[in-house]
Amino acid sequence: MYKRQGVEGFVTITGGKATTLRGMAETTANVVCAKLGMEKPCQTRDFVLLPHTAYYV
C-alpha cells in the first residue's frame, strides 16, 4: 500500500489494547526484520515485564 505512495518499506502499527500490545509489537518486529532481510525473530516472549503498578510511587 505505501509503495504506491512513495514510501516503500514503511511499517506502521496502530490501535490495540494493553492485552494485545506485546503481540502486536512482536508481529511488527518480525515484519520489519523480514523487510530488512534479517531472520532473527522477536525475543519479547523471553523477557518478563514489570506490572504497571511498578511505575507508580
Protein backbone atom coordinates (compact mmCIF):
# COMPACT_ATOMS: atom_id res chain seq x y z
CA MET A 1 0.00 0.00 0.00
CA TYR A 2 2.67 2.51 0.98
CA LYS A 3 4.82 1.59 -2.02
CA ARG A 4 2.19 3.23 -4.19
CA GLN A 5 2.53 6.42 -2.12
CA GLY A 6 6.32 6.57 -2.48
CA VAL A 7 7.31 5.27 0.96
CA GLU A 8 8.17 1.65 0.25
CA GLY A 9 9.20 -0.27 3.35
CA PHE A 10 7.22 1.91 5.72
CA VAL A 11 5.66 -0.09 8.57
CA THR A 12 3.06 1.29 10.94
CA ILE A 13 1.27 -0.12 13.97
CA THR A 14 -1.83 1.47 15.48
CA GLY A 15 -4.59 0.62 17.91
CA GLY A 16 -4.62 -2.31 20.25
CA LYS A 17 -5.38 -2.84 23.90
CA ALA A 18 -2.99 -3.41 26.77
CA THR A 19 -3.57 -7.15 26.49
CA THR A 20 -2.62 -7.29 22.81
CA LEU A 21 0.16 -4.69 22.50
CA ARG A 22 3.01 -7.10 23.12
CA GLY A 23 1.76 -9.49 20.45
CA MET A 24 1.33 -6.60 18.04
CA ALA A 25 4.87 -5.43 18.76
CA GLU A 26 6.23 -8.93 18.16
CA THR A 27 4.48 -9.19 14.82
CA THR A 28 5.66 -5.72 13.81
CA ALA A 29 9.26 -6.50 14.77
CA ASN A 30 9.14 -9.68 12.71
CA VAL A 31 7.74 -7.78 9.69
CA VAL A 32 10.47 -5.13 9.95
CA CYS A 33 13.20 -7.76 10.25
CA ALA A 34 11.82 -9.60 7.22
CA LYS A 35 11.82 -6.36 5.20
CA LEU A 36 15.46 -5.80 6.21
CA GLY A 37 16.38 -9.35 5.24
CA MET A 38 17.06 -10.42 8.82
CA GLU A 39 15.97 -13.85 10.00
CA LYS A 40 16.12 -13.21 13.74
CA PRO A 41 12.70 -13.50 15.39
CA CYS A 42 11.48 -11.07 18.03
CA GLN A 43 12.52 -12.09 21.54
CA THR A 44 9.89 -10.25 23.56
CA ARG A 45 8.49 -13.54 24.91
CA ASP A 46 11.79 -14.18 26.67
CA PHE A 47 11.62 -11.07 28.87
CA VAL A 48 9.41 -10.58 31.89
CA LEU A 49 7.86 -7.13 32.07
CA LEU A 50 7.06 -5.31 35.28
CA PRO A 51 3.38 -4.74 36.08
CA HIS A 52 2.01 -1.25 35.58
CA THR A 53 1.98 -0.72 39.36
CA ALA A 54 5.78 -0.84 39.43
CA TYR A 55 5.89 2.57 37.78
CA TYR A 56 3.87 4.37 40.45
CA VAL A 57 5.33 5.55 43.74
